[in-house]
Amino acid sequence: MASTRKYSVLAPLSRFPWDGDSFESETFNLRISRYRELPDLKGLEKDLATLDLDVIKGTAYWLSFEYEENEILHQSNLVILFLLALWLSIPTETHVKLIFSSA
């Protein structure tokens, strides 16, 4: 049996209207955290355009989760499901422009 890789994912939540510090959901092990500084993106931010880097530096809330590459849902699917669930419960302008993933 081949080993599967586990990935850690961080996605900046632009225009996320919330005042809390953190929230965890057992569904897909999602977590929303407030960052006062840019979180550790494992060097992935060095390839961003200046405009994108400015956007994520100004983003307070980040969605994070882990997933294995053999799972049915891909990281982008989980982010889309989160945004859809958020919009169905409280319609907002929250969006995710970038997704950072590291093994």
C-alpha atoms as a PDB file:
ATOM      1  CA  MET A   1       0.000   0.000   0.000  1.00  0.00           C
ATOM      2  CA  ALA A   2       1.423   3.369  -1.013  1.00  0.00           C
ATOM      3  CA  SER A   3       1.722   6.030   1.630  1.00  0.00           C
ATOM      4  CA  THR A   4      -0.417   9.103   1.205  1.00  0.00           C
ATOM      5  CA  ARG A   5       0.804  12.629   1.667  1.00  0.00           C
ATOM      6  CA  LYS A   6      -0.894  14.881   4.146  1.00  0.00           C
ATOM      7  CA  TYR A   7      -1.146  18.543   3.208  1.00  0.00           C
ATOM      8  CA  SER A   8      -1.662  21.597   5.403  1.00  0.00           C
ATOM      9  CA  VAL A   9      -3.769  24.274   3.761  1.00  0.00           C
ATOM     10  CA  LEU A  10      -4.126  27.981   4.542  1.00  0.00           C
ATOM     11  CA  ALA A  11      -6.545  30.230   2.668  1.00  0.00           C
ATOM     12  CA  PRO A  12      -6.980  33.959   3.375  1.00  0.00           C
ATOM     13  CA  LEU A  13     -10.641  34.906   3.888  1.00  0.00           C
ATOM     14  CA  SER A  14     -11.068  38.283   2.215  1.00  0.00           C
ATOM     15  CA  ARG A  15     -13.988  40.430   3.416  1.00  0.00           C
ATOM     16  CA  PHE A  16     -14.830  37.991   6.231  1.00  0.00           C
ATOM     17  CA  PRO A  17     -17.139  39.877   8.657  1.00  0.00           C
ATOM     18  CA  TRP A  18     -16.327  38.462  12.086  1.00  0.00           C
ATOM     19  CA  ASP A  19     -14.870  39.695  15.362  1.00  0.00           C
ATOM     20  CA  GLY A  20     -13.778  36.422  16.972  1.00  0.00           C
ATOM     21  CA  ASP A  21     -10.285  34.999  17.313  1.00  0.00           C
ATOM     22  CA  SER A  22     -10.761  31.376  16.303  1.00  0.00           C
ATOM     23  CA  PHE A  23     -13.414  28.857  15.397  1.00  0.00           C
ATOM     24  CA  GLU A  24     -13.057  25.118  14.854  1.00  0.00           C
ATOM     25  CA  SER A  25     -15.426  22.779  13.076  1.00  0.00           C
ATOM     26  CA  GLU A  26     -15.217  19.018  13.233  1.00  0.00           C
ATOM     27  CA  THR A  27     -16.630  18.870   9.716  1.00  0.00           C
ATOM     28  CA  PHE A  28     -13.524  18.452   7.548  1.00  0.00           C
ATOM     29  CA  ASN A  29     -11.466  19.701  10.551  1.00  0.00           C
ATOM     30  CA  LEU A  30     -11.808  23.299   9.397  1.00  0.00           C
ATOM     31  CA  ARG A  31     -10.449  26.125  11.522  1.00  0.00           C
ATOM     32  CA  ILE A  32     -10.796  29.884  11.156  1.00  0.00           C
ATOM     33  CA  SER A  33      -8.063  31.865  12.893  1.00  0.00           C
ATOM     34  CA  ARG A  34      -7.249  35.538  13.261  1.00  0.00           C
ATOM     35  CA  TYR A  35      -3.660  36.418  12.381  1.00  0.00           C
ATOM     36  CA  ARG A  36      -2.245  39.771  13.349  1.00  0.00           C
ATOM     37  CA  GLU A  37       0.792  39.090  11.133  1.00  0.00           C
ATOM     38  CA  LEU A  38       1.194  37.034   7.973  1.00  0.00           C
ATOM     39  CA  PRO A  39       1.104  33.333   8.928  1.00  0.00           C
ATOM     40  CA  ASP A  40       3.963  31.004   8.055  1.00  0.00           C
ATOM     41  CA  LEU A  41       3.370  30.156   4.400  1.00  0.00           C
ATOM     42  CA  LYS A  42       6.533  28.018   4.126  1.00  0.00           C
ATOM     43  CA  GLY A  43       8.095  30.435   1.627  1.00  0.00           C
ATOM     44  CA  LEU A  44       5.204  30.164  -0.826  1.00  0.00           C
ATOM     45  CA  GLU A  45       4.550  33.907  -0.578  1.00  0.00           C
ATOM     46  CA  LYS A  46       7.851  34.754  -2.319  1.00  0.00           C
ATOM     47  CA  ASP A  47       6.354  33.981  -5.725  1.00  0.00           C
ATOM     48  CA  LEU A  48       3.371  36.303  -5.329  1.00  0.00           C
ATOM     49  CA  ALA A  49       2.856  39.553  -7.164  1.00  0.00           C
ATOM     50  CA  THR A  50       3.160  42.658  -4.975  1.00  0.00           C
ATOM     51  CA  LEU A  51      -0.582  43.311  -5.202  1.00  0.00           C
ATOM     52  CA  ASP A  52      -1.441  39.775  -4.039  1.00  0.00           C
ATOM     53  CA  LEU A  53       1.092  40.007  -1.221  1.00  0.00           C
ATOM     54  CA  ASP A  54      -0.436  43.305  -0.071  1.00  0.00           C
ATOM     55  CA  VAL A  55      -3.907  41.724  -0.088  1.00  0.00           C
ATOM     56  CA  ILE A  56      -2.935  38.744   2.065  1.00  0.00           C
ATOM     57  CA  LYS A  57      -0.907  40.926   4.460  1.00  0.00           C
ATOM     58  CA  GLY A  58      -4.110  42.882   5.071  1.00  0.00           C
ATOM     59  CA  THR A  59      -6.232  39.772   5.631  1.00  0.00           C
ATOM     60  CA  ALA A  60      -6.956  39.058   9.287  1.00  0.00           C
ATOM     61  CA  TYR A  61      -8.820  35.742   9.027  1.00  0.00           C
ATOM     62  CA  TRP A  62      -7.526  32.548   7.505  1.00  0.00           C
ATOM     63  CA  LEU A  63      -9.174  29.194   6.894  1.00  0.00           C
ATOM     64  CA  SER A  64      -6.959  26.198   7.668  1.00  0.00           C
ATOM     65  CA  PHE A  65      -7.324  22.438   7.412  1.00  0.00           C
ATOM     66  CA  GLU A  66      -5.399  19.293   6.552  1.00  0.00           C
ATOM     67  CA  TYR A  67      -6.227  16.712   3.920  1.00  0.00           C
ATOM     68  CA  GLU A  68      -4.675  13.640   2.352  1.00  0.00           C
ATOM     69  CA  GLU A  69      -4.081  13.501  -1.391  1.00  0.00           C
ATOM     70  CA  ASN A  70      -6.098  10.313  -1.808  1.00  0.00           C
ATOM     71  CA  GLU A  71      -9.280  11.832  -0.417  1.00  0.00           C
ATOM     72  CA  ILE A  72     -12.187  12.410  -2.766  1.00  0.00           C
ATOM     73  CA  LEU A  73     -12.363  16.141  -2.084  1.00  0.00           C
ATOM     74  CA  HIS A  74      -9.474  18.328  -3.192  1.00  0.00           C
ATOM     75  CA  GLN A  75      -8.385  21.407  -1.228  1.00  0.00           C
ATOM     76  CA  SER A  76     -10.220  23.773  -3.571  1.00  0.00           C
ATOM     77  CA  ASN A  77     -13.421  21.718  -3.196  1.00  0.00           C
ATOM     78  CA  LEU A  78     -13.246  22.068   0.594  1.00  0.00           C
ATOM     79  CA  VAL A  79     -12.754  25.834   0.334  1.00  0.00           C
ATOM     80  CA  ILE A  80     -15.704  26.120  -2.065  1.00  0.00           C
ATOM     81  CA  LEU A  81     -17.903  24.032   0.258  1.00  0.00           C
ATOM     82  CA  PHE A  82     -16.931  26.261   3.180  1.00  0.00           C
ATOM     83  CA  LEU A  83     -17.768  29.428   1.227  1.00  0.00           C
ATOM     84  CA  LEU A  84     -21.070  27.969   0.036  1.00  0.00           C
ATOM     85  CA  ALA A  85     -22.053  26.925   3.577  1.00  0.00           C
ATOM     86  CA  LEU A  86     -21.105  30.384   4.860  1.00  0.00           C
ATOM     87  CA  TRP A  87     -23.122  32.120   2.161  1.00  0.00           C
ATOM     88  CA  LEU A  88     -26.169  29.878   2.773  1.00  0.00           C
ATOM     89  CA  SER A  89     -26.117  30.619   6.503  1.00  0.00           C
ATOM     90  CA  ILE A  90     -25.161  34.302   6.317  1.00  0.00           C
ATOM     91  CA  PRO A  91     -24.789  35.808   2.843  1.00  0.00           C
ATOM     92  CA  THR A  92     -21.469  37.681   2.834  1.00  0.00           C
ATOM     93  CA  GLU A  93     -18.931  38.959   0.345  1.00  0.00           C
ATOM     94  CA  THR A  94     -16.268  36.624   1.754  1.00  0.00           C
ATOM     95  CA  HIS A  95     -14.045  35.131  -0.901  1.00  0.00           C
ATOM     96  CA  VAL A  96     -10.767  33.254  -1.253  1.00  0.00           C
ATOM     97  CA  LYS A  97      -8.386  34.377  -3.956  1.00  0.00           C
ATOM     98  CA  LEU A  98      -5.370  32.250  -3.043  1.00  0.00           C
ATOM     99  CA  ILE A  99      -4.841  28.840  -1.429  1.00  0.00           C
ATOM    100  CA  PHE A 100      -1.500  27.868   0.116  1.00  0.00           C
ATOM    101  CA  SER A 101      -0.734  24.180   0.529  1.00  0.00           C
ATOM    102  CA  SER A 102       2.357  22.441   1.855  1.00  0.00           C
ATOM    103  CA  ALA A 103       3.190  18.799   2.561  1.00  0.00           C
END
